[in-house]
C-alpha atoms as a PDB file:
ATOM      1  CA  MET A   1      31.700   9.131  45.150  1.00  0.00           C
ATOM      2  CA  THR A   2      30.620  10.552  48.579  1.00  0.00           C
ATOM      3  CA  ALA A   3      29.166   8.412  51.624  1.00  0.00           C
ATOM      4  CA  SER A   4      25.799  10.095  50.192  1.00  0.00           C
ATOM      5  CA  THR A   5      26.212   8.624  47.001  1.00  0.00           C
ATOM      6  CA  LEU A   6      27.536   4.779  47.693  1.00  0.00           C
ATOM      7  CA  THR A   7      24.356   3.544  48.939  1.00  0.00           C
ATOM      8  CA  SER A   8      23.020   4.034  45.372  1.00  0.00           C
ATOM      9  CA  PHE A   9      25.232   1.011  44.415  1.00  0.00           C
ATOM     10  CA  THR A  10      25.831  -2.624  45.460  1.00  0.00           C
ATOM     11  CA  PRO A  11      29.055  -1.674  47.436  1.00  0.00           C
ATOM     12  CA  ILE A  12      31.865  -4.057  46.972  1.00  0.00           C
ATOM     13  CA  VAL A  13      34.331  -5.031  49.590  1.00  0.00           C
ATOM     14  CA  LEU A  14      37.984  -6.140  49.410  1.00  0.00           C
ATOM     15  CA  ILE A  15      39.103  -8.956  51.990  1.00  0.00           C
ATOM     16  CA  THR A  16      42.467 -10.184  52.108  1.00  0.00           C
ATOM     17  CA  GLY A  17      42.919 -13.949  53.247  1.00  0.00           C
ATOM     18  CA  GLY A  18      39.171 -14.711  52.386  1.00  0.00           C
ATOM     19  CA  SER A  19      39.390 -18.484  51.580  1.00  0.00           C
ATOM     20  CA  ARG A  20      39.392 -19.618  55.031  1.00  0.00           C
ATOM     21  CA  GLY A  21      39.049 -18.911  58.705  1.00  0.00           C
ATOM     22  CA  LEU A  22      37.909 -15.043  59.748  1.00  0.00           C
ATOM     23  CA  GLY A  23      38.341 -14.097  56.288  1.00  0.00           C
ATOM     24  CA  ARG A  24      35.969 -16.376  54.723  1.00  0.00           C
ATOM     25  CA  SER A  25      33.595 -15.644  57.888  1.00  0.00           C
ATOM     26  CA  ALA A  26      33.597 -12.283  57.020  1.00  0.00           C
ATOM     27  CA  ALA A  27      33.225 -12.561  53.340  1.00  0.00           C
ATOM     28  CA  LEU A  28      30.063 -14.678  53.784  1.00  0.00           C
ATOM     29  CA  ALA A  29      28.315 -12.052  56.256  1.00  0.00           C
ATOM     30  CA  ALA A  30      29.289  -9.628  54.037  1.00  0.00           C
ATOM     31  CA  ALA A  31      27.432 -11.034  51.362  1.00  0.00           C
ATOM     32  CA  LYS A  32      24.552 -11.867  53.233  1.00  0.00           C
ATOM     33  CA  SER A  33      24.057  -8.176  54.040  1.00  0.00           C
ATOM     34  CA  GLY A  34      24.052  -7.158  50.461  1.00  0.00           C
ATOM     35  CA  ILE A  35      27.737  -6.554  49.512  1.00  0.00           C
ATOM     36  CA  ASP A  36      29.331  -7.991  46.760  1.00  0.00           C
ATOM     37  CA  VAL A  37      33.013  -9.448  47.179  1.00  0.00           C
ATOM     38  CA  VAL A  38      36.369  -9.428  45.822  1.00  0.00           C
ATOM     39  CA  LEU A  39      38.439 -12.267  48.187  1.00  0.00           C
ATOM     40  CA  THR A  40      42.123 -12.683  47.759  1.00  0.00           C
ATOM     41  CA  TYR A  41      44.020 -15.988  48.698  1.00  0.00           C
ATOM     42  CA  ARG A  42      47.633 -17.165  48.767  1.00  0.00           C
ATOM     43  CA  GLN A  43      47.679 -20.695  47.914  1.00  0.00           C
ATOM     44  CA  GLN A  44      44.356 -21.845  48.609  1.00  0.00           C
ATOM     45  CA  ALA A  45      42.675 -21.359  45.052  1.00  0.00           C
ATOM     46  CA  THR A  46      40.219 -24.121  45.648  1.00  0.00           C
ATOM     47  CA  GLU A  47      38.763 -23.086  48.900  1.00  0.00           C
ATOM     48  CA  ALA A  48      38.656 -19.570  47.323  1.00  0.00           C
ATOM     49  CA  GLN A  49      36.372 -20.705  44.671  1.00  0.00           C
ATOM     50  CA  ALA A  50      34.341 -22.680  47.020  1.00  0.00           C
ATOM     51  CA  VAL A  51      33.904 -19.335  48.955  1.00  0.00           C
ATOM     52  CA  VAL A  52      33.014 -17.512  45.657  1.00  0.00           C
ATOM     53  CA  ALA A  53      30.315 -20.339  45.007  1.00  0.00           C
ATOM     54  CA  GLU A  54      29.066 -19.450  48.436  1.00  0.00           C
ATOM     55  CA  ILE A  55      28.415 -16.080  48.069  1.00  0.00           C
ATOM     56  CA  GLU A  56      27.140 -16.198  44.527  1.00  0.00           C
ATOM     57  CA  ALA A  57      24.442 -18.779  45.802  1.00  0.00           C
ATOM     58  CA  LEU A  58      23.526 -15.801  48.241  1.00  0.00           C
ATOM     59  CA  GLY A  59      22.518 -13.744  45.399  1.00  0.00           C
ATOM     60  CA  GLN A  60      25.923 -11.474  45.569  1.00  0.00           C
ATOM     61  CA  ARG A  61      28.714 -11.087  42.806  1.00  0.00           C
ATOM     62  CA  ALA A  62      32.289 -12.167  44.101  1.00  0.00           C
ATOM     63  CA  VAL A  63      35.947 -12.869  42.685  1.00  0.00           C
ATOM     64  CA  ALA A  64      38.862 -14.390  44.189  1.00  0.00           C
ATOM     65  CA  LEU A  65      42.145 -12.864  43.072  1.00  0.00           C
ATOM     66  CA  PRO A  66      45.496 -14.327  44.315  1.00  0.00           C
ATOM     67  CA  LEU A  67      47.633 -12.393  46.677  1.00  0.00           C
ATOM     68  CA  ASP A  68      50.872 -12.744  48.815  1.00  0.00           C
ATOM     69  CA  VAL A  69      50.503  -9.862  51.428  1.00  0.00           C
ATOM     70  CA  GLY A  70      53.958 -10.268  52.439  1.00  0.00           C
ATOM     71  CA  ASP A  71      55.305  -9.432  49.064  1.00  0.00           C
ATOM     72  CA  VAL A  72      54.941  -5.364  48.543  1.00  0.00           C
ATOM     73  CA  ALA A  73      56.640  -5.704  45.201  1.00  0.00           C
ATOM     74  CA  SER A  74      53.796  -7.661  43.589  1.00  0.00           C
ATOM     75  CA  PHE A  75      51.099  -4.754  44.818  1.00  0.00           C
ATOM     76  CA  GLY A  76      51.241  -3.151  41.732  1.00  0.00           C
ATOM     77  CA  ALA A  77      50.133  -5.554  39.441  1.00  0.00           C
ATOM     78  CA  PHE A  78      47.799  -6.741  42.084  1.00  0.00           C
ATOM     79  CA  ALA A  79      46.226  -3.257  41.948  1.00  0.00           C
ATOM     80  CA  SER A  80      46.015  -3.869  37.870  1.00  0.00           C
ATOM     81  CA  GLN A  81      44.664  -7.279  38.423  1.00  0.00           C
ATOM     82  CA  LEU A  82      41.573  -5.762  40.648  1.00  0.00           C
ATOM     83  CA  ALA A  83      41.151  -2.886  38.563  1.00  0.00           C
ATOM     84  CA  GLN A  84      40.508  -5.366  35.456  1.00  0.00           C
ATOM     85  CA  ALA A  85      38.424  -7.631  37.950  1.00  0.00           C
ATOM     86  CA  LEU A  86      36.193  -4.236  38.908  1.00  0.00           C
ATOM     87  CA  GLN A  87      35.806  -3.363  35.597  1.00  0.00           C
ATOM     88  CA  SER A  88      35.030  -6.682  34.047  1.00  0.00           C
ATOM     89  CA  GLY A  89      32.765  -8.248  36.905  1.00  0.00           C
ATOM     90  CA  TRP A  90      30.685  -4.723  37.834  1.00  0.00           C
ATOM     91  CA  GLN A  91      31.546  -2.275  35.076  1.00  0.00           C
ATOM     92  CA  ARG A  92      33.052  -0.055  37.689  1.00  0.00           C
ATOM     93  CA  GLU A  93      36.664   1.315  38.385  1.00  0.00           C
ATOM     94  CA  ARG A  94      36.594   1.517  42.047  1.00  0.00           C
ATOM     95  CA  PHE A  95      35.498  -0.395  45.359  1.00  0.00           C
ATOM     96  CA  ASP A  96      34.278   0.739  48.658  1.00  0.00           C
ATOM     97  CA  PHE A  97      35.697  -1.280  51.573  1.00  0.00           C
ATOM     98  CA  LEU A  98      39.069  -2.907  52.407  1.00  0.00           C
ATOM     99  CA  VAL A  99      39.495  -5.312  55.090  1.00  0.00           C
ATOM    100  CA  ASN A 100      43.001  -6.217  55.768  1.00  0.00           C
ATOM    101  CA  ASN A 101      42.726  -9.606  57.195  1.00  0.00           C
ATOM    102  CA  ALA A 102      45.265 -11.779  55.942  1.00  0.00           C
ATOM    103  CA  GLY A 103      47.823 -13.045  58.536  1.00  0.00           C
ATOM    104  CA  MET A 104      49.864 -15.552  59.777  1.00  0.00           C
ATOM    105  CA  GLY A 105      50.989 -16.619  63.232  1.00  0.00           C
ATOM    106  CA  VAL A 106      54.245 -16.973  65.045  1.00  0.00           C
ATOM    107  CA  HIS A 107      54.631 -18.588  68.790  1.00  0.00           C
ATOM    108  CA  ALA A 108      57.979 -18.242  70.252  1.00  0.00           C
ATOM    109  CA  PRO A 109      59.644 -17.002  73.375  1.00  0.00           C
ATOM    110  CA  PHE A 110      61.119 -13.260  73.259  1.00  0.00           C
ATOM    111  CA  ALA A 111      64.437 -15.010  73.951  1.00  0.00           C
ATOM    112  CA  GLU A 112      64.086 -17.602  71.093  1.00  0.00           C
ATOM    113  CA  THR A 113      62.288 -15.325  68.652  1.00  0.00           C
ATOM    114  CA  THR A 114      64.459 -15.540  65.210  1.00  0.00           C
ATOM    115  CA  GLU A 115      65.061 -12.269  62.978  1.00  0.00           C
ATOM    116  CA  ALA A 116      63.773 -14.324  59.929  1.00  0.00           C
ATOM    117  CA  GLN A 117      60.489 -14.776  61.732  1.00  0.00           C
ATOM    118  CA  PHE A 118      60.371 -11.143  63.192  1.00  0.00           C
ATOM    119  CA  ASP A 119      60.766 -10.121  59.661  1.00  0.00           C
ATOM    120  CA  ALA A 120      58.101 -12.519  58.340  1.00  0.00           C
ATOM    121  CA  LEU A 121      55.561 -10.975  60.901  1.00  0.00           C
ATOM    122  CA  VAL A 122      56.613  -7.394  59.711  1.00  0.00           C
ATOM    123  CA  ASN A 123      56.492  -8.194  56.258  1.00  0.00           C
ATOM    124  CA  VAL A 124      52.451  -9.639  56.510  1.00  0.00           C
ATOM    125  CA  HIS A 125      51.105  -8.017  59.348  1.00  0.00           C
ATOM    126  CA  LEU A 126      52.540  -4.229  59.197  1.00  0.00           C
ATOM    127  CA  LYS A 127      54.334  -3.470  55.886  1.00  0.00           C
ATOM    128  CA  GLY A 128      52.207  -5.420  53.913  1.00  0.00           C
ATOM    129  CA  VAL A 129      49.324  -3.588  55.665  1.00  0.00           C
ATOM    130  CA  PHE A 130      50.934  -0.422  54.894  1.00  0.00           C
ATOM    131  CA  PHE A 131      51.687  -0.432  51.671  1.00  0.00           C
ATOM    132  CA  LEU A 132      48.803  -2.486  50.162  1.00  0.00           C
ATOM    133  CA  THR A 133      46.438   0.323  51.602  1.00  0.00           C
ATOM    134  CA  GLN A 134      48.352   2.758  49.995  1.00  0.00           C
ATOM    135  CA  ARG A 135      48.556   0.918  46.547  1.00  0.00           C
ATOM    136  CA  LEU A 136      44.781   0.539  46.575  1.00  0.00           C
ATOM    137  CA  LEU A 137      43.491   3.770  48.029  1.00  0.00           C
ATOM    138  CA  PRO A 138      43.132   5.260  44.399  1.00  0.00           C
ATOM    139  CA  LEU A 139      40.802   2.540  43.883  1.00  0.00           C
ATOM    140  CA  MET A 140      38.768   3.032  46.897  1.00  0.00           C
ATOM    141  CA  ASN A 141      35.423   5.229  46.763  1.00  0.00           C
ATOM    142  CA  ASP A 142      35.162   8.471  48.959  1.00  0.00           C
ATOM    143  CA  GLY A 143      33.013   7.736  51.546  1.00  0.00           C
ATOM    144  CA  GLY A 144      34.118   4.004  52.075  1.00  0.00           C
ATOM    145  CA  ARG A 145      35.685   1.968  55.236  1.00  0.00           C
ATOM    146  CA  ILE A 146      38.834   0.300  56.111  1.00  0.00           C
ATOM    147  CA  LEU A 147      39.015  -2.533  58.980  1.00  0.00           C
ATOM    148  CA  ASN A 148      42.126  -3.526  59.957  1.00  0.00           C
ATOM    149  CA  LEU A 149      42.291  -6.708  61.932  1.00  0.00           C
ATOM    150  CA  SER A 150      44.335  -6.630  65.136  1.00  0.00           C
ATOM    151  CA  SER A 151      44.363  -9.249  68.131  1.00  0.00           C
ATOM    152  CA  GLY A 152      43.514  -9.273  71.922  1.00  0.00           C
ATOM    153  CA  LEU A 153      46.819  -9.885  72.334  1.00  0.00           C
ATOM    154  CA  ALA A 154      47.392  -6.104  71.855  1.00  0.00           C
ATOM    155  CA  ARG A 155      45.639  -5.525  74.997  1.00  0.00           C
ATOM    156  CA  PHE A 156      46.921  -8.694  77.160  1.00  0.00           C
ATOM    157  CA  ALA A 157      49.776 -10.340  77.178  1.00  0.00           C
ATOM    158  CA  LEU A 158      50.598 -14.094  76.711  1.00  0.00           C
ATOM    159  CA  PRO A 159      54.127 -15.477  76.583  1.00  0.00           C
ATOM    160  CA  GLY A 160      55.360 -16.337  73.545  1.00  0.00           C
ATOM    161  CA  TYR A 161      53.704 -13.993  71.106  1.00  0.00           C
ATOM    162  CA  ALA A 162      55.806 -10.663  71.858  1.00  0.00           C
ATOM    163  CA  ALA A 163      56.731 -10.257  68.038  1.00  0.00           C
ATOM    164  CA  TYR A 164      52.984 -11.355  66.642  1.00  0.00           C
ATOM    165  CA  ALA A 165      51.569  -8.787  69.404  1.00  0.00           C
ATOM    166  CA  ALA A 166      53.852  -5.876  68.334  1.00  0.00           C
ATOM    167  CA  MET A 167      52.770  -6.276  64.961  1.00  0.00           C
ATOM    168  CA  LYS A 168      49.441  -5.910  65.896  1.00  0.00           C
ATOM    169  CA  GLY A 169      49.852  -3.078  68.595  1.00  0.00           C
ATOM    170  CA  SER A 170      51.625  -0.993  65.540  1.00  0.00           C
ATOM    171  CA  ILE A 171      48.753  -1.606  63.200  1.00  0.00           C
ATOM    172  CA  GLU A 172      46.359  -0.245  66.103  1.00  0.00           C
ATOM    173  CA  VAL A 173      48.370   3.064  65.927  1.00  0.00           C
ATOM    174  CA  LEU A 174      48.956   3.109  62.072  1.00  0.00           C
ATOM    175  CA  SER A 175      44.852   2.786  61.989  1.00  0.00           C
ATOM    176  CA  ARG A 176      44.279   6.020  64.182  1.00  0.00           C
ATOM    177  CA  TYR A 177      46.677   7.932  61.691  1.00  0.00           C
ATOM    178  CA  LEU A 178      44.685   6.361  58.604  1.00  0.00           C
ATOM    179  CA  ALA A 179      41.405   7.547  60.092  1.00  0.00           C
ATOM    180  CA  LYS A 180      42.810  11.159  60.501  1.00  0.00           C
ATOM    181  CA  GLU A 181      44.428  11.191  57.232  1.00  0.00           C
ATOM    182  CA  LEU A 182      41.755   9.790  55.083  1.00  0.00           C
ATOM    183  CA  GLY A 183      38.734  11.805  57.100  1.00  0.00           C
ATOM    184  CA  PRO A 184      38.755  14.364  54.386  1.00  0.00           C
ATOM    185  CA  ARG A 185      37.894  11.596  51.611  1.00  0.00           C
ATOM    186  CA  GLY A 186      35.060  10.132  54.089  1.00  0.00           C
ATOM    187  CA  ILE A 187      36.769   7.226  54.708  1.00  0.00           C
ATOM    188  CA  ALA A 188      36.418   5.858  58.388  1.00  0.00           C
ATOM    189  CA  VAL A 189      39.328   3.390  59.856  1.00  0.00           C
ATOM    190  CA  ASN A 190      38.778   1.082  62.255  1.00  0.00           C
ATOM    191  CA  VAL A 191      40.525  -1.896  63.997  1.00  0.00           C
ATOM    192  CA  VAL A 192      38.891  -5.256  64.825  1.00  0.00           C
ATOM    193  CA  ALA A 193      40.642  -7.349  67.630  1.00  0.00           C
ATOM    194  CA  PRO A 194      39.519 -10.700  67.998  1.00  0.00           C
ATOM    195  CA  GLY A 195      40.381 -12.598  70.776  1.00  0.00           C
ATOM    196  CA  ALA A 196      41.551 -16.556  70.979  1.00  0.00           C
ATOM    197  CA  ILE A 197      39.286 -17.889  67.734  1.00  0.00           C
ATOM    198  CA  GLU A 198      38.969 -21.951  66.777  1.00  0.00           C
ATOM    199  CA  THR A 199      40.527 -21.604  63.238  1.00  0.00           C
ATOM    200  CA  ASP A 200      43.632 -23.218  61.581  1.00  0.00           C
ATOM    201  CA  PHE A 201      45.461 -19.834  62.406  1.00  0.00           C
ATOM    202  CA  GLY A 202      48.846 -20.534  64.362  1.00  0.00           C
ATOM    203  CA  GLY A 203      48.569 -24.640  63.397  1.00  0.00           C
ATOM    204  CA  GLY A 204      45.052 -24.621  65.088  1.00  0.00           C
ATOM    205  CA  ALA A 205      46.303 -24.923  68.376  1.00  0.00           C
ATOM    206  CA  VAL A 206      43.191 -23.059  70.016  1.00  0.00           C
ATOM    207  CA  ARG A 207      40.805 -25.529  68.171  1.00  0.00           C
ATOM    208  CA  ASP A 208      43.012 -28.756  68.673  1.00  0.00           C
ATOM    209  CA  ASN A 209      44.383 -28.635  72.076  1.00  0.00           C
ATOM    210  CA  ALA A 210      41.987 -29.450  74.326  1.00  0.00           C
ATOM    211  CA  GLU A 211      43.970 -27.880  77.488  1.00  0.00           C
ATOM    212  CA  LEU A 212      44.605 -24.525  75.831  1.00  0.00           C
ATOM    213  CA  ASN A 213      40.829 -24.571  74.839  1.00  0.00           C
ATOM    214  CA  ALA A 214      39.709 -25.164  78.300  1.00  0.00           C
ATOM    215  CA  PHE A 215      42.159 -22.535  79.783  1.00  0.00           C
ATOM    216  CA  ILE A 216      41.235 -19.949  77.544  1.00  0.00           C
ATOM    217  CA  ALA A 217      37.447 -20.818  77.921  1.00  0.00           C
ATOM    218  CA  GLY A 218      38.006 -20.540  81.737  1.00  0.00           C
ATOM    219  CA  GLN A 219      39.532 -16.864  81.187  1.00  0.00           C
ATOM    220  CA  THR A 220      36.565 -15.942  79.125  1.00  0.00           C
ATOM    221  CA  ALA A 221      33.755 -14.171  80.824  1.00  0.00           C
ATOM    222  CA  LEU A 222      31.258 -15.851  78.026  1.00  0.00           C
ATOM    223  CA  GLY A 223      32.954 -19.201  79.045  1.00  0.00           C
ATOM    224  CA  ARG A 224      34.055 -20.790  75.884  1.00  0.00           C
ATOM    225  CA  VAL A 225      36.426 -19.952  73.103  1.00  0.00           C
ATOM    226  CA  GLY A 226      35.360 -18.002  70.142  1.00  0.00           C
ATOM    227  CA  VAL A 227      34.721 -19.226  66.706  1.00  0.00           C
ATOM    228  CA  ALA A 228      34.949 -17.547  63.157  1.00  0.00           C
ATOM    229  CA  GLU A 229      31.277 -16.736  63.068  1.00  0.00           C
ATOM    230  CA  ASP A 230      31.707 -14.698  65.778  1.00  0.00           C
ATOM    231  CA  ILE A 231      33.768 -12.475  64.033  1.00  0.00           C
ATOM    232  CA  GLY A 232      32.428 -12.350  60.437  1.00  0.00           C
ATOM    233  CA  PRO A 233      29.122 -10.647  61.343  1.00  0.00           C
ATOM    234  CA  LEU A 234      30.855  -8.100  63.413  1.00  0.00           C
ATOM    235  CA  VAL A 235      33.226  -7.106  60.169  1.00  0.00           C
ATOM    236  CA  ALA A 236      30.278  -7.218  57.760  1.00  0.00           C
ATOM    237  CA  ALA A 237      27.987  -4.777  60.584  1.00  0.00           C
ATOM    238  CA  LEU A 238      31.063  -1.993  60.619  1.00  0.00           C
ATOM    239  CA  LEU A 239      30.427  -1.901  56.835  1.00  0.00           C
ATOM    240  CA  GLN A 240      26.643  -0.847  56.780  1.00  0.00           C
ATOM    241  CA  PRO A 241      25.321   2.755  57.105  1.00  0.00           C
ATOM    242  CA  ALA A 242      24.152   2.403  60.590  1.00  0.00           C
ATOM    243  CA  THR A 243      27.647   2.420  61.327  1.00  0.00           C
ATOM    244  CA  ARG A 244      29.085   5.398  59.531  1.00  0.00           C
ATOM    245  CA  TRP A 245      30.058   7.263  62.589  1.00  0.00           C
ATOM    246  CA  VAL A 246      32.274   4.897  63.895  1.00  0.00           C
ATOM    247  CA  ASN A 247      35.695   5.813  63.328  1.00  0.00           C
ATOM    248  CA  ALA A 248      39.459   5.454  64.430  1.00  0.00           C
ATOM    249  CA  GLN A 249      38.006   2.735  67.095  1.00  0.00           C
ATOM    250  CA  ARG A 250      39.385  -0.595  68.483  1.00  0.00           C
ATOM    251  CA  ILE A 251      36.370  -3.288  68.826  1.00  0.00           C
ATOM    252  CA  GLU A 252      37.344  -6.171  70.431  1.00  0.00           C
ATOM    253  CA  ALA A 253      35.531  -9.391  70.011  1.00  0.00           C
ATOM    254  CA  SER A 254      36.917 -11.960  72.429  1.00  0.00           C
ATOM    255  CA  GLY A 255      33.809 -12.804  74.629  1.00  0.00           C
ATOM    256  CA  GLY A 256      35.381 -10.901  77.460  1.00  0.00           C
ATOM    257  CA  MET A 257      38.822 -12.276  78.259  1.00  0.00           C
ATOM    258  CA  PHE A 258      40.948 -11.655  80.827  1.00  0.00           C
ATOM    259  CA  LEU A 259      38.977  -9.120  82.100  1.00  0.00           C
END
């Protein structure tokens, strides 16, 4: 399927980590824009099904599938489960858009970061994204999109995030290579880099620590900390036909942090 024929079908997006936070916001925003959704979750099955119900209430189809993005060995089985879900739910063999959103955070000074913490970040944020995308490429339509989630921390530096930010910097480089190599298939690849967001990510520190929240707001041009609804609609917008010529770009959504 080419970019010109893609619009004749209701497009389908796969969003990893779609049961909460930024993934949930992206899933709902995509549904509001007329896109069907496959979302993944690791443990929050109840939350995932609630998001499915919200999407269906918006008039779009949705399904939730379990996936541990840090377990590369499970990706073959996941691809088979996805293919079955596409066939049973849509009578289709392929989906259109991939949003690599799932993640976890580690906050530790560089000198105290353990190998186990580093390896966990690699498995989820770099190795997982690399090999999940590779595994799912045969199930993606030509003319589709891939969005990889990065972080404002790949541009500015805050103590305690060296390992996490290094993974996100790697994702930004990887995304440019994917854009180059997948260009012949008409697949555009971009990066969305959120700033500090009020979610439960990283233990909910940005949301729940009033001092940290005030500090970030004071360093942001728009004068507040971001919320999930600042990011989801941007993800959905980058999946629309109107943004088809945006490729190999890093789009930061931080409200203007540390300018």
